[in-house]
Amino acid sequence: MDRPPAMFIADSLGLDFLNSVATPVDRPVDWLDGGEGLIDWLSQAKLVPADELDALKARAKPGDLDKVAGEARALREWFRGFVRQHAGRPLAPKALRELGPLSRILERDEAFLQIVPRHGEEGLALQRMRRWRSADALLLPIGEAMAKFVCEEDFSNVKACEGHHCTMLFADHTRRRARRWCIMAVCGNRAKQAAHRSRLKGRQ
């Protein structure tokens, strides 16, 4: 299926994961509709190194990547419910009880630290690495992005786009917290055009 490029508009990768299904123009697009879509979305999100994605793809058994994509979609919809329930106010500590599905993914991680050359400069750096043993490991960076969002974002800033049929969510980090649209050029313009048509109709 031909998909437009994934949309990263939320100012948080955890929310951008929720926006991996949306209606950017006229028809719904699910960027995680199968294994290929999941690989493509992870690549665009820069959550997994390209060489690791290629290696996992090459050694995955038939159906493995599609199965993980199905798990990712289920995780996405569970997380959408969690975010919508808590959006608009600071996240309370008791919300931890609801985060079991995310905690179970984080527990699977095989991360480690490695000393590597500094990128583009002299010296060495400590870098966090991950073992990509199976297709299931593709959920780990997604889980990490979701966990960072839960722990670092003020849920008071989480908003849904006001576009008529839009399902996109974002973290509003504007100075006056006045952001209303996922993308002004899409949903904002549609709303302006609808308001303009309504005004014209009212004058007739």
N, C-alpha and C. Protein backbone atom coordinates (compact mmCIF):
# COMPACT_ATOMS: atom_id res chain seq x y z
N MET A 1 0.85 -1.20 0.00
CA MET A 1 0.00 0.00 0.00
C MET A 1 0.88 1.24 0.00
N ASP A 2 0.51 2.22 -0.82
CA ASP A 2 1.24 3.49 -0.84
C ASP A 2 0.78 4.34 0.33
N ARG A 3 1.74 4.69 1.18
CA ARG A 3 1.43 5.51 2.34
C ARG A 3 2.18 6.82 2.21
N PRO A 4 1.57 7.92 2.66
CA PRO A 4 2.35 9.17 2.73
C PRO A 4 3.38 9.00 3.83
N PRO A 5 4.39 9.88 3.91
CA PRO A 5 5.35 9.79 5.02
C PRO A 5 4.62 9.91 6.35
N ALA A 6 5.15 9.21 7.35
CA ALA A 6 4.56 9.28 8.69
C ALA A 6 4.61 10.72 9.19
N MET A 7 3.70 11.04 10.09
CA MET A 7 3.60 12.41 10.60
C MET A 7 4.14 12.47 12.03
N PHE A 8 5.08 13.36 12.24
CA PHE A 8 5.68 13.54 13.57
C PHE A 8 5.43 15.00 13.97
N ILE A 9 4.25 15.24 14.53
CA ILE A 9 3.79 16.61 14.80
C ILE A 9 3.51 16.83 16.28
N ALA A 10 3.65 15.80 17.11
CA ALA A 10 3.12 15.85 18.47
C ALA A 10 4.05 16.50 19.48
N ASP A 11 5.31 16.71 19.09
CA ASP A 11 6.32 17.22 20.02
C ASP A 11 6.62 16.20 21.11
N SER A 12 6.36 14.94 20.81
CA SER A 12 6.66 13.82 21.71
C SER A 12 6.52 12.54 20.91
N LEU A 13 7.57 11.72 20.89
CA LEU A 13 7.49 10.47 20.12
C LEU A 13 6.43 9.53 20.68
N GLY A 14 6.19 9.58 22.00
CA GLY A 14 5.15 8.75 22.59
C GLY A 14 3.78 9.06 22.01
N LEU A 15 3.50 10.36 21.80
CA LEU A 15 2.23 10.74 21.17
C LEU A 15 2.26 10.52 19.66
N ASP A 16 3.43 10.70 19.05
CA ASP A 16 3.53 10.42 17.61
C ASP A 16 3.21 8.96 17.32
N PHE A 17 3.52 8.07 18.28
CA PHE A 17 3.16 6.66 18.13
C PHE A 17 1.64 6.53 18.04
N LEU A 18 0.90 7.28 18.87
CA LEU A 18 -0.57 7.24 18.79
C LEU A 18 -1.05 7.79 17.45
N ASN A 19 -0.31 8.75 16.91
CA ASN A 19 -0.69 9.36 15.63
C ASN A 19 -0.25 8.52 14.44
N SER A 20 0.22 7.29 14.69
CA SER A 20 0.61 6.42 13.57
C SER A 20 -0.62 5.84 12.87
N VAL A 21 -1.79 6.19 13.33
CA VAL A 21 -3.03 5.98 12.57
C VAL A 21 -3.75 7.32 12.57
N ALA A 22 -4.11 7.81 11.39
CA ALA A 22 -4.70 9.14 11.30
C ALA A 22 -5.35 9.29 9.93
N THR A 23 -6.01 10.42 9.76
CA THR A 23 -6.62 10.75 8.47
C THR A 23 -6.00 12.06 7.99
N PRO A 24 -4.80 12.00 7.43
CA PRO A 24 -4.11 13.24 7.07
C PRO A 24 -4.78 14.02 5.95
N VAL A 25 -5.47 13.33 5.05
CA VAL A 25 -6.18 14.06 3.98
C VAL A 25 -7.64 13.62 3.97
N ASP A 26 -7.96 12.62 3.17
CA ASP A 26 -9.36 12.20 3.06
C ASP A 26 -9.63 10.79 3.57
N ARG A 27 -8.60 9.96 3.62
CA ARG A 27 -8.84 8.57 4.03
C ARG A 27 -7.91 8.20 5.17
N PRO A 28 -8.38 7.32 6.06
CA PRO A 28 -7.54 6.90 7.18
C PRO A 28 -6.29 6.16 6.69
N VAL A 29 -5.17 6.39 7.36
CA VAL A 29 -3.91 5.70 7.06
C VAL A 29 -3.41 5.10 8.36
N ASP A 30 -3.07 3.81 8.32
CA ASP A 30 -2.45 3.16 9.48
C ASP A 30 -1.03 2.81 9.07
N TRP A 31 -0.07 3.55 9.63
CA TRP A 31 1.33 3.31 9.27
C TRP A 31 1.85 2.01 9.85
N LEU A 32 1.09 1.38 10.76
CA LEU A 32 1.50 0.11 11.36
C LEU A 32 0.61 -1.03 10.87
N ASP A 33 0.15 -0.95 9.62
CA ASP A 33 -0.82 -1.92 9.13
C ASP A 33 -0.24 -3.31 8.90
N GLY A 34 1.05 -3.47 9.03
CA GLY A 34 1.70 -4.78 8.88
C GLY A 34 3.18 -4.64 9.22
N GLY A 35 3.90 -5.73 9.08
CA GLY A 35 5.32 -5.72 9.43
C GLY A 35 6.13 -4.69 8.66
N GLU A 36 5.87 -4.59 7.36
CA GLU A 36 6.59 -3.61 6.53
C GLU A 36 6.31 -2.19 7.01
N GLY A 37 5.04 -1.93 7.33
CA GLY A 37 4.66 -0.61 7.82
C GLY A 37 5.34 -0.27 9.14
N LEU A 38 5.41 -1.26 10.04
CA LEU A 38 6.07 -1.05 11.33
C LEU A 38 7.55 -0.71 11.13
N ILE A 39 8.22 -1.49 10.27
CA ILE A 39 9.65 -1.24 9.98
C ILE A 39 9.82 0.18 9.42
N ASP A 40 8.95 0.55 8.50
CA ASP A 40 9.04 1.86 7.86
C ASP A 40 8.81 2.98 8.88
N TRP A 41 7.82 2.81 9.76
CA TRP A 41 7.53 3.84 10.76
C TRP A 41 8.70 3.99 11.73
N LEU A 42 9.25 2.86 12.20
CA LEU A 42 10.39 2.90 13.13
C LEU A 42 11.59 3.58 12.49
N SER A 43 11.78 3.33 11.19
CA SER A 43 12.88 3.96 10.46
C SER A 43 12.67 5.48 10.39
N GLN A 44 11.46 5.91 10.03
CA GLN A 44 11.18 7.34 9.95
C GLN A 44 11.26 8.02 11.32
N ALA A 45 10.88 7.29 12.38
CA ALA A 45 10.94 7.83 13.73
C ALA A 45 12.36 7.83 14.28
N LYS A 46 13.28 7.15 13.56
CA LYS A 46 14.68 7.02 13.98
C LYS A 46 14.79 6.37 15.37
N LEU A 47 13.91 5.40 15.61
CA LEU A 47 13.92 4.69 16.89
C LEU A 47 14.80 3.45 16.87
N VAL A 48 15.10 2.94 15.66
CA VAL A 48 15.95 1.76 15.52
C VAL A 48 16.95 2.05 14.41
N PRO A 49 18.24 1.76 14.64
CA PRO A 49 19.23 1.98 13.57
C PRO A 49 18.85 1.21 12.31
N ALA A 50 19.09 1.84 11.16
CA ALA A 50 18.70 1.25 9.87
C ALA A 50 19.32 -0.12 9.66
N ASP A 51 20.60 -0.32 10.04
CA ASP A 51 21.24 -1.62 9.83
C ASP A 51 20.60 -2.70 10.69
N GLU A 52 20.12 -2.32 11.90
CA GLU A 52 19.45 -3.30 12.76
C GLU A 52 18.09 -3.68 12.18
N LEU A 53 17.39 -2.69 11.62
CA LEU A 53 16.10 -2.98 10.99
C LEU A 53 16.29 -3.94 9.81
N ASP A 54 17.32 -3.68 9.00
CA ASP A 54 17.60 -4.56 7.85
C ASP A 54 17.92 -5.97 8.31
N ALA A 55 18.73 -6.08 9.37
CA ALA A 55 19.13 -7.40 9.88
C ALA A 55 17.93 -8.15 10.45
N LEU A 56 17.09 -7.46 11.21
CA LEU A 56 15.90 -8.11 11.77
C LEU A 56 14.95 -8.57 10.67
N LYS A 57 14.80 -7.73 9.66
CA LYS A 57 13.93 -8.06 8.54
C LYS A 57 14.43 -9.31 7.80
N ALA A 58 15.75 -9.38 7.64
CA ALA A 58 16.35 -10.50 6.90
C ALA A 58 16.19 -11.82 7.66
N ARG A 59 16.26 -11.79 8.99
CA ARG A 59 16.21 -13.07 9.72
C ARG A 59 14.84 -13.39 10.31
N ALA A 60 13.87 -12.50 10.15
CA ALA A 60 12.53 -12.76 10.69
C ALA A 60 11.87 -13.90 9.94
N LYS A 61 11.17 -14.77 10.67
CA LYS A 61 10.40 -15.84 10.04
C LYS A 61 9.14 -15.25 9.44
N PRO A 62 8.54 -15.93 8.45
CA PRO A 62 7.31 -15.41 7.85
C PRO A 62 6.25 -15.16 8.94
N GLY A 63 5.65 -14.03 8.89
CA GLY A 63 4.60 -13.70 9.84
C GLY A 63 5.08 -13.04 11.12
N ASP A 64 6.39 -13.13 11.43
CA ASP A 64 6.91 -12.56 12.69
C ASP A 64 6.66 -11.05 12.77
N LEU A 65 7.02 -10.35 11.71
CA LEU A 65 6.90 -8.89 11.73
C LEU A 65 5.44 -8.44 11.74
N ASP A 66 4.59 -9.18 11.02
CA ASP A 66 3.16 -8.85 11.04
C ASP A 66 2.58 -9.06 12.43
N LYS A 67 3.04 -10.10 13.13
CA LYS A 67 2.57 -10.37 14.50
C LYS A 67 2.97 -9.23 15.43
N VAL A 68 4.21 -8.78 15.31
CA VAL A 68 4.67 -7.68 16.16
C VAL A 68 3.91 -6.39 15.82
N ALA A 69 3.64 -6.18 14.54
CA ALA A 69 2.85 -5.00 14.15
C ALA A 69 1.47 -5.05 14.79
N GLY A 70 0.87 -6.24 14.85
CA GLY A 70 -0.43 -6.40 15.52
C GLY A 70 -0.33 -6.06 17.01
N GLU A 71 0.76 -6.50 17.64
CA GLU A 71 0.98 -6.17 19.06
C GLU A 71 1.17 -4.65 19.23
N ALA A 72 1.87 -4.05 18.28
CA ALA A 72 2.09 -2.60 18.35
C ALA A 72 0.76 -1.86 18.22
N ARG A 73 -0.12 -2.32 17.33
CA ARG A 73 -1.43 -1.66 17.18
C ARG A 73 -2.27 -1.81 18.45
N ALA A 74 -2.23 -3.01 19.07
CA ALA A 74 -2.97 -3.22 20.32
C ALA A 74 -2.41 -2.32 21.43
N LEU A 75 -1.09 -2.21 21.49
CA LEU A 75 -0.44 -1.36 22.48
C LEU A 75 -0.84 0.10 22.25
N ARG A 76 -0.87 0.48 20.99
CA ARG A 76 -1.23 1.86 20.63
C ARG A 76 -2.64 2.20 21.11
N GLU A 77 -3.59 1.28 20.89
CA GLU A 77 -4.97 1.58 21.25
C GLU A 77 -5.15 1.57 22.77
N TRP A 78 -4.43 0.67 23.47
CA TRP A 78 -4.47 0.71 24.93
C TRP A 78 -3.92 2.06 25.42
N PHE A 79 -2.80 2.49 24.85
CA PHE A 79 -2.16 3.73 25.29
C PHE A 79 -3.02 4.95 24.95
N ARG A 80 -3.74 4.90 23.82
CA ARG A 80 -4.63 5.99 23.44
C ARG A 80 -5.69 6.18 24.53
N GLY A 81 -6.25 5.07 25.02
CA GLY A 81 -7.24 5.16 26.08
C GLY A 81 -6.66 5.77 27.35
N PHE A 82 -5.44 5.35 27.69
CA PHE A 82 -4.77 5.88 28.88
C PHE A 82 -4.54 7.39 28.75
N VAL A 83 -4.01 7.80 27.60
CA VAL A 83 -3.69 9.22 27.39
C VAL A 83 -4.96 10.06 27.38
N ARG A 84 -5.98 9.61 26.68
CA ARG A 84 -7.23 10.38 26.62
C ARG A 84 -7.87 10.51 28.01
N GLN A 85 -7.78 9.45 28.80
CA GLN A 85 -8.36 9.48 30.14
C GLN A 85 -7.67 10.50 31.04
N HIS A 86 -6.36 10.67 30.85
CA HIS A 86 -5.58 11.52 31.76
C HIS A 86 -5.21 12.88 31.17
N ALA A 87 -5.50 13.10 29.88
CA ALA A 87 -5.12 14.37 29.23
C ALA A 87 -5.81 15.55 29.90
N GLY A 88 -5.10 16.68 29.92
CA GLY A 88 -5.68 17.91 30.42
C GLY A 88 -5.40 18.20 31.88
N ARG A 89 -4.76 17.26 32.58
CA ARG A 89 -4.42 17.50 33.99
C ARG A 89 -3.14 16.74 34.31
N PRO A 90 -2.41 17.16 35.32
CA PRO A 90 -1.17 16.45 35.67
C PRO A 90 -1.45 14.99 35.99
N LEU A 91 -0.53 14.14 35.61
CA LEU A 91 -0.68 12.70 35.86
C LEU A 91 -0.42 12.40 37.33
N ALA A 92 -1.36 11.76 37.98
CA ALA A 92 -1.24 11.44 39.41
C ALA A 92 -0.46 10.14 39.59
N PRO A 93 0.26 9.99 40.71
CA PRO A 93 1.03 8.76 40.96
C PRO A 93 0.18 7.49 40.89
N LYS A 94 -1.11 7.59 41.24
CA LYS A 94 -1.94 6.37 41.22
C LYS A 94 -2.13 5.83 39.79
N ALA A 95 -1.82 6.65 38.77
CA ALA A 95 -1.92 6.18 37.38
C ALA A 95 -0.95 5.04 37.11
N LEU A 96 0.07 4.91 37.95
CA LEU A 96 1.05 3.83 37.79
C LEU A 96 0.37 2.47 37.74
N ARG A 97 -0.71 2.31 38.48
CA ARG A 97 -1.42 1.02 38.52
C ARG A 97 -1.97 0.64 37.15
N GLU A 98 -2.19 1.62 36.30
CA GLU A 98 -2.79 1.36 34.98
C GLU A 98 -1.75 1.06 33.91
N LEU A 99 -0.47 1.15 34.26
CA LEU A 99 0.59 1.07 33.24
C LEU A 99 1.20 -0.32 33.08
N GLY A 100 0.48 -1.35 33.51
CA GLY A 100 0.98 -2.72 33.41
C GLY A 100 1.44 -3.13 32.01
N PRO A 101 0.63 -2.89 30.95
CA PRO A 101 1.06 -3.31 29.61
C PRO A 101 2.39 -2.67 29.19
N LEU A 102 2.60 -1.41 29.55
CA LEU A 102 3.84 -0.73 29.21
C LEU A 102 5.00 -1.28 30.05
N SER A 103 4.77 -1.48 31.33
CA SER A 103 5.82 -2.01 32.21
C SER A 103 6.30 -3.38 31.74
N ARG A 104 5.37 -4.21 31.27
CA ARG A 104 5.75 -5.56 30.81
C ARG A 104 6.66 -5.49 29.58
N ILE A 105 6.45 -4.50 28.72
CA ILE A 105 7.34 -4.34 27.56
C ILE A 105 8.71 -3.88 28.02
N LEU A 106 8.75 -2.90 28.91
CA LEU A 106 10.04 -2.36 29.38
C LEU A 106 10.87 -3.44 30.08
N GLU A 107 10.22 -4.39 30.74
CA GLU A 107 10.93 -5.47 31.45
C GLU A 107 11.69 -6.40 30.50
N ARG A 108 11.29 -6.43 29.23
CA ARG A 108 11.95 -7.33 28.25
C ARG A 108 13.29 -6.81 27.74
N ASP A 109 13.59 -5.57 28.02
CA ASP A 109 14.73 -4.91 27.36
C ASP A 109 16.07 -5.56 27.69
N GLU A 110 16.92 -5.62 26.66
CA GLU A 110 18.30 -6.10 26.82
C GLU A 110 19.25 -4.96 26.44
N ALA A 111 19.18 -3.89 27.20
CA ALA A 111 20.02 -2.72 26.92
C ALA A 111 21.32 -2.82 27.71
N PHE A 112 22.35 -2.18 27.19
CA PHE A 112 23.64 -2.15 27.88
C PHE A 112 24.38 -0.89 27.46
N LEU A 113 25.41 -0.55 28.21
CA LEU A 113 26.22 0.63 27.89
C LEU A 113 27.49 0.20 27.18
N GLN A 114 27.92 1.01 26.22
CA GLN A 114 29.14 0.69 25.47
C GLN A 114 29.93 1.99 25.25
N ILE A 115 31.25 1.86 25.31
CA ILE A 115 32.11 3.01 25.02
C ILE A 115 32.34 3.06 23.52
N VAL A 116 32.07 4.24 22.94
CA VAL A 116 32.17 4.41 21.49
C VAL A 116 32.90 5.72 21.19
N PRO A 117 33.42 5.87 19.94
CA PRO A 117 34.02 7.16 19.57
C PRO A 117 32.94 8.24 19.57
N ARG A 118 33.32 9.45 20.00
CA ARG A 118 32.38 10.57 19.96
C ARG A 118 32.04 10.89 18.51
N HIS A 119 30.79 11.12 18.26
CA HIS A 119 30.35 11.41 16.89
C HIS A 119 30.81 12.80 16.47
N GLY A 120 31.67 12.86 15.46
CA GLY A 120 32.11 14.13 14.89
C GLY A 120 33.10 14.91 15.72
N GLU A 121 33.65 14.32 16.78
CA GLU A 121 34.66 15.04 17.57
C GLU A 121 35.62 14.05 18.22
N GLU A 122 36.66 14.61 18.82
CA GLU A 122 37.68 13.78 19.47
C GLU A 122 37.12 13.16 20.75
N GLY A 123 37.71 12.04 21.14
CA GLY A 123 37.39 11.46 22.43
C GLY A 123 36.38 10.32 22.35
N LEU A 124 35.98 9.85 23.51
CA LEU A 124 35.08 8.71 23.63
C LEU A 124 33.80 9.11 24.35
N ALA A 125 32.77 8.33 24.15
CA ALA A 125 31.49 8.61 24.80
C ALA A 125 30.86 7.31 25.26
N LEU A 126 29.99 7.40 26.25
CA LEU A 126 29.24 6.25 26.74
C LEU A 126 27.89 6.27 26.04
N GLN A 127 27.59 5.18 25.35
CA GLN A 127 26.35 5.13 24.57
C GLN A 127 25.52 3.93 24.99
N ARG A 128 24.23 4.16 25.08
CA ARG A 128 23.31 3.07 25.42
C ARG A 128 23.02 2.27 24.16
N MET A 129 23.19 0.96 24.23
CA MET A 129 22.97 0.07 23.09
C MET A 129 21.86 -0.91 23.46
N ARG A 130 21.39 -1.65 22.46
CA ARG A 130 20.34 -2.63 22.71
C ARG A 130 20.60 -3.86 21.85
N ARG A 131 20.33 -5.03 22.40
CA ARG A 131 20.43 -6.27 21.62
C ARG A 131 19.11 -6.50 20.90
N TRP A 132 19.18 -6.63 19.59
CA TRP A 132 17.98 -6.81 18.76
C TRP A 132 17.88 -8.28 18.38
N ARG A 133 17.51 -9.13 19.33
CA ARG A 133 17.55 -10.58 19.11
C ARG A 133 16.39 -11.10 18.27
N SER A 134 15.23 -10.46 18.36
CA SER A 134 14.06 -10.97 17.64
C SER A 134 13.16 -9.81 17.22
N ALA A 135 12.16 -10.11 16.41
CA ALA A 135 11.23 -9.08 15.95
C ALA A 135 10.51 -8.42 17.12
N ASP A 136 10.29 -9.17 18.20
CA ASP A 136 9.62 -8.60 19.39
C ASP A 136 10.37 -7.39 19.95
N ALA A 137 11.68 -7.36 19.73
CA ALA A 137 12.50 -6.25 20.25
C ALA A 137 12.09 -4.91 19.63
N LEU A 138 11.37 -4.94 18.50
CA LEU A 138 10.95 -3.69 17.87
C LEU A 138 9.98 -2.90 18.74
N LEU A 139 9.33 -3.57 19.69
CA LEU A 139 8.42 -2.87 20.60
C LEU A 139 9.17 -2.10 21.68
N LEU A 140 10.44 -2.45 21.93
CA LEU A 140 11.18 -1.84 23.03
C LEU A 140 11.40 -0.34 22.87
N PRO A 141 11.87 0.15 21.72
CA PRO A 141 12.04 1.60 21.61
C PRO A 141 10.71 2.36 21.63
N ILE A 142 9.64 1.70 21.17
CA ILE A 142 8.32 2.31 21.24
C ILE A 142 7.92 2.45 22.71
N GLY A 143 8.12 1.35 23.48
CA GLY A 143 7.81 1.38 24.91
C GLY A 143 8.62 2.44 25.63
N GLU A 144 9.88 2.58 25.25
CA GLU A 144 10.74 3.59 25.88
C GLU A 144 10.22 5.00 25.58
N ALA A 145 9.81 5.25 24.33
CA ALA A 145 9.27 6.57 23.97
C ALA A 145 7.99 6.85 24.74
N MET A 146 7.14 5.83 24.89
CA MET A 146 5.90 6.00 25.66
C MET A 146 6.22 6.28 27.13
N ALA A 147 7.18 5.54 27.69
CA ALA A 147 7.54 5.72 29.10
C ALA A 147 8.12 7.11 29.34
N LYS A 148 8.96 7.60 28.42
CA LYS A 148 9.50 8.96 28.55
C LYS A 148 8.38 9.98 28.54
N PHE A 149 7.42 9.78 27.66
CA PHE A 149 6.28 10.69 27.59
C PHE A 149 5.51 10.69 28.92
N VAL A 150 5.22 9.49 29.45
CA VAL A 150 4.46 9.38 30.70
C VAL A 150 5.21 10.05 31.86
N CYS A 151 6.52 9.87 31.91
CA CYS A 151 7.31 10.36 33.04
C CYS A 151 7.76 11.81 32.91
N GLU A 152 7.89 12.31 31.68
CA GLU A 152 8.49 13.64 31.49
C GLU A 152 7.51 14.70 31.03
N GLU A 153 6.36 14.32 30.51
CA GLU A 153 5.42 15.30 29.96
C GLU A 153 4.38 15.69 31.01
N ASP A 154 4.02 16.95 31.05
CA ASP A 154 2.91 17.41 31.87
C ASP A 154 1.63 17.11 31.07
N PHE A 155 0.81 16.20 31.56
CA PHE A 155 -0.40 15.80 30.84
C PHE A 155 -1.38 16.96 30.68
N SER A 156 -1.18 18.05 31.42
CA SER A 156 -2.01 19.24 31.23
C SER A 156 -1.81 19.81 29.83
N ASN A 157 -0.66 19.53 29.21
CA ASN A 157 -0.35 20.06 27.88
C ASN A 157 -0.86 19.17 26.75
N VAL A 158 -1.40 18.00 27.08
CA VAL A 158 -1.83 17.06 26.03
C VAL A 158 -3.20 17.48 25.52
N LYS A 159 -3.28 17.65 24.20
CA LYS A 159 -4.52 18.08 23.58
C LYS A 159 -4.83 17.23 22.35
N ALA A 160 -6.10 17.20 21.99
CA ALA A 160 -6.53 16.60 20.73
C ALA A 160 -6.73 17.72 19.73
N CYS A 161 -6.36 17.46 18.49
CA CYS A 161 -6.59 18.44 17.43
C CYS A 161 -8.08 18.75 17.34
N GLU A 162 -8.40 20.02 17.10
CA GLU A 162 -9.80 20.44 17.01
C GLU A 162 -10.38 20.23 15.61
N GLY A 163 -9.58 19.66 14.70
CA GLY A 163 -10.09 19.37 13.36
C GLY A 163 -11.29 18.44 13.42
N HIS A 164 -12.26 18.65 12.52
CA HIS A 164 -13.55 17.96 12.58
C HIS A 164 -13.42 16.44 12.67
N HIS A 165 -12.66 15.83 11.79
CA HIS A 165 -12.53 14.36 11.81
C HIS A 165 -11.14 13.93 12.26
N CYS A 166 -10.34 14.85 12.77
CA CYS A 166 -8.95 14.54 13.09
C CYS A 166 -8.84 13.77 14.41
N THR A 167 -7.94 12.81 14.46
CA THR A 167 -7.73 12.01 15.67
C THR A 167 -6.36 12.27 16.29
N MET A 168 -5.61 13.24 15.74
CA MET A 168 -4.24 13.48 16.19
C MET A 168 -4.20 14.11 17.58
N LEU A 169 -3.18 13.68 18.34
CA LEU A 169 -2.92 14.25 19.66
C LEU A 169 -1.57 14.95 19.62
N PHE A 170 -1.37 15.93 20.51
CA PHE A 170 -0.08 16.60 20.57
C PHE A 170 0.13 17.17 21.96
N ALA A 171 1.38 17.49 22.26
CA ALA A 171 1.73 18.19 23.50
C ALA A 171 1.89 19.66 23.13
N ASP A 172 1.08 20.50 23.75
CA ASP A 172 1.09 21.93 23.43
C ASP A 172 2.17 22.62 24.27
N HIS A 173 3.29 22.94 23.63
CA HIS A 173 4.39 23.62 24.30
C HIS A 173 4.50 25.09 23.87
N THR A 174 3.43 25.60 23.24
CA THR A 174 3.47 27.01 22.85
C THR A 174 3.42 27.88 24.10
N ARG A 175 3.86 29.13 23.96
CA ARG A 175 3.99 30.01 25.13
C ARG A 175 2.67 30.17 25.88
N ARG A 176 1.59 30.40 25.15
CA ARG A 176 0.29 30.64 25.82
C ARG A 176 -0.57 29.39 25.84
N ARG A 177 -0.02 28.26 25.46
CA ARG A 177 -0.77 26.99 25.38
C ARG A 177 -2.03 27.19 24.53
N ALA A 178 -1.80 27.82 23.37
CA ALA A 178 -2.93 28.18 22.51
C ALA A 178 -3.02 27.32 21.25
N ARG A 179 -2.19 26.28 21.14
CA ARG A 179 -2.22 25.45 19.94
C ARG A 179 -3.55 24.71 19.86
N ARG A 180 -4.16 24.71 18.67
CA ARG A 180 -5.47 24.07 18.48
C ARG A 180 -5.44 22.95 17.45
N TRP A 181 -4.43 22.97 16.57
CA TRP A 181 -4.47 22.07 15.42
C TRP A 181 -3.23 21.18 15.40
N CYS A 182 -3.39 19.99 14.81
CA CYS A 182 -2.22 19.12 14.61
C CYS A 182 -1.24 19.83 13.69
N ILE A 183 -1.75 20.28 12.53
CA ILE A 183 -0.95 21.04 11.56
C ILE A 183 -1.85 22.18 11.07
N MET A 184 -1.40 23.38 11.27
CA MET A 184 -2.19 24.55 10.86
C MET A 184 -2.53 24.49 9.38
N ALA A 185 -1.56 24.05 8.57
CA ALA A 185 -1.76 24.03 7.12
C ALA A 185 -2.81 23.01 6.69
N VAL A 186 -3.13 22.05 7.54
CA VAL A 186 -4.14 21.04 7.19
C VAL A 186 -5.44 21.35 7.95
N CYS A 187 -5.50 20.96 9.21
CA CYS A 187 -6.75 21.12 9.97
C CYS A 187 -7.09 22.58 10.23
N GLY A 188 -6.10 23.42 10.49
CA GLY A 188 -6.37 24.84 10.72
C GLY A 188 -6.98 25.49 9.50
N ASN A 189 -6.41 25.21 8.33
CA ASN A 189 -6.95 25.78 7.09
C ASN A 189 -8.34 25.26 6.77
N ARG A 190 -8.57 23.96 7.03
CA ARG A 190 -9.90 23.40 6.80
C ARG A 190 -10.93 24.13 7.65
N ALA A 191 -10.58 24.38 8.92
CA ALA A 191 -11.51 25.07 9.82
C ALA A 191 -11.76 26.50 9.35
N LYS A 192 -10.70 27.18 8.89
CA LYS A 192 -10.86 28.54 8.38
C LYS A 192 -11.78 28.55 7.16
N GLN A 193 -11.57 27.58 6.25
CA GLN A 193 -12.41 27.51 5.04
C GLN A 193 -13.86 27.22 5.40
N ALA A 194 -14.06 26.31 6.38
CA ALA A 194 -15.43 25.97 6.80
C ALA A 194 -16.10 27.20 7.42
N ALA A 195 -15.35 27.95 8.23
CA ALA A 195 -15.91 29.16 8.86
C ALA A 195 -16.24 30.20 7.79
N HIS A 196 -15.37 30.33 6.79
CA HIS A 196 -15.59 31.28 5.69
C HIS A 196 -16.86 30.90 4.92
N ARG A 197 -17.01 29.61 4.60
CA ARG A 197 -18.20 29.15 3.87
C ARG A 197 -19.45 29.42 4.69
N SER A 198 -19.35 29.19 6.01
CA SER A 198 -20.49 29.41 6.90
C SER A 198 -20.90 30.88 6.92
N ARG A 199 -19.90 31.78 6.96
CA ARG A 199 -20.19 33.21 6.94
C ARG A 199 -20.87 33.64 5.64
N LEU A 200 -20.35 33.10 4.52
CA LEU A 200 -20.95 33.41 3.22
C LEU A 200 -22.38 32.94 3.14
N LYS A 201 -22.64 31.74 3.66
CA LYS A 201 -23.99 31.18 3.66
C LYS A 201 -24.92 32.05 4.48
N GLY A 202 -24.38 32.54 5.62
CA GLY A 202 -25.18 33.38 6.51
C GLY A 202 -25.59 34.70 5.88
N ARG A 203 -24.78 35.18 4.93
CA ARG A 203 -25.11 36.45 4.27
C ARG A 203 -26.11 36.30 3.13
N GLN A 204 -26.30 35.06 2.67
CA GLN A 204 -27.20 34.85 1.52
C GLN A 204 -28.66 34.90 1.93
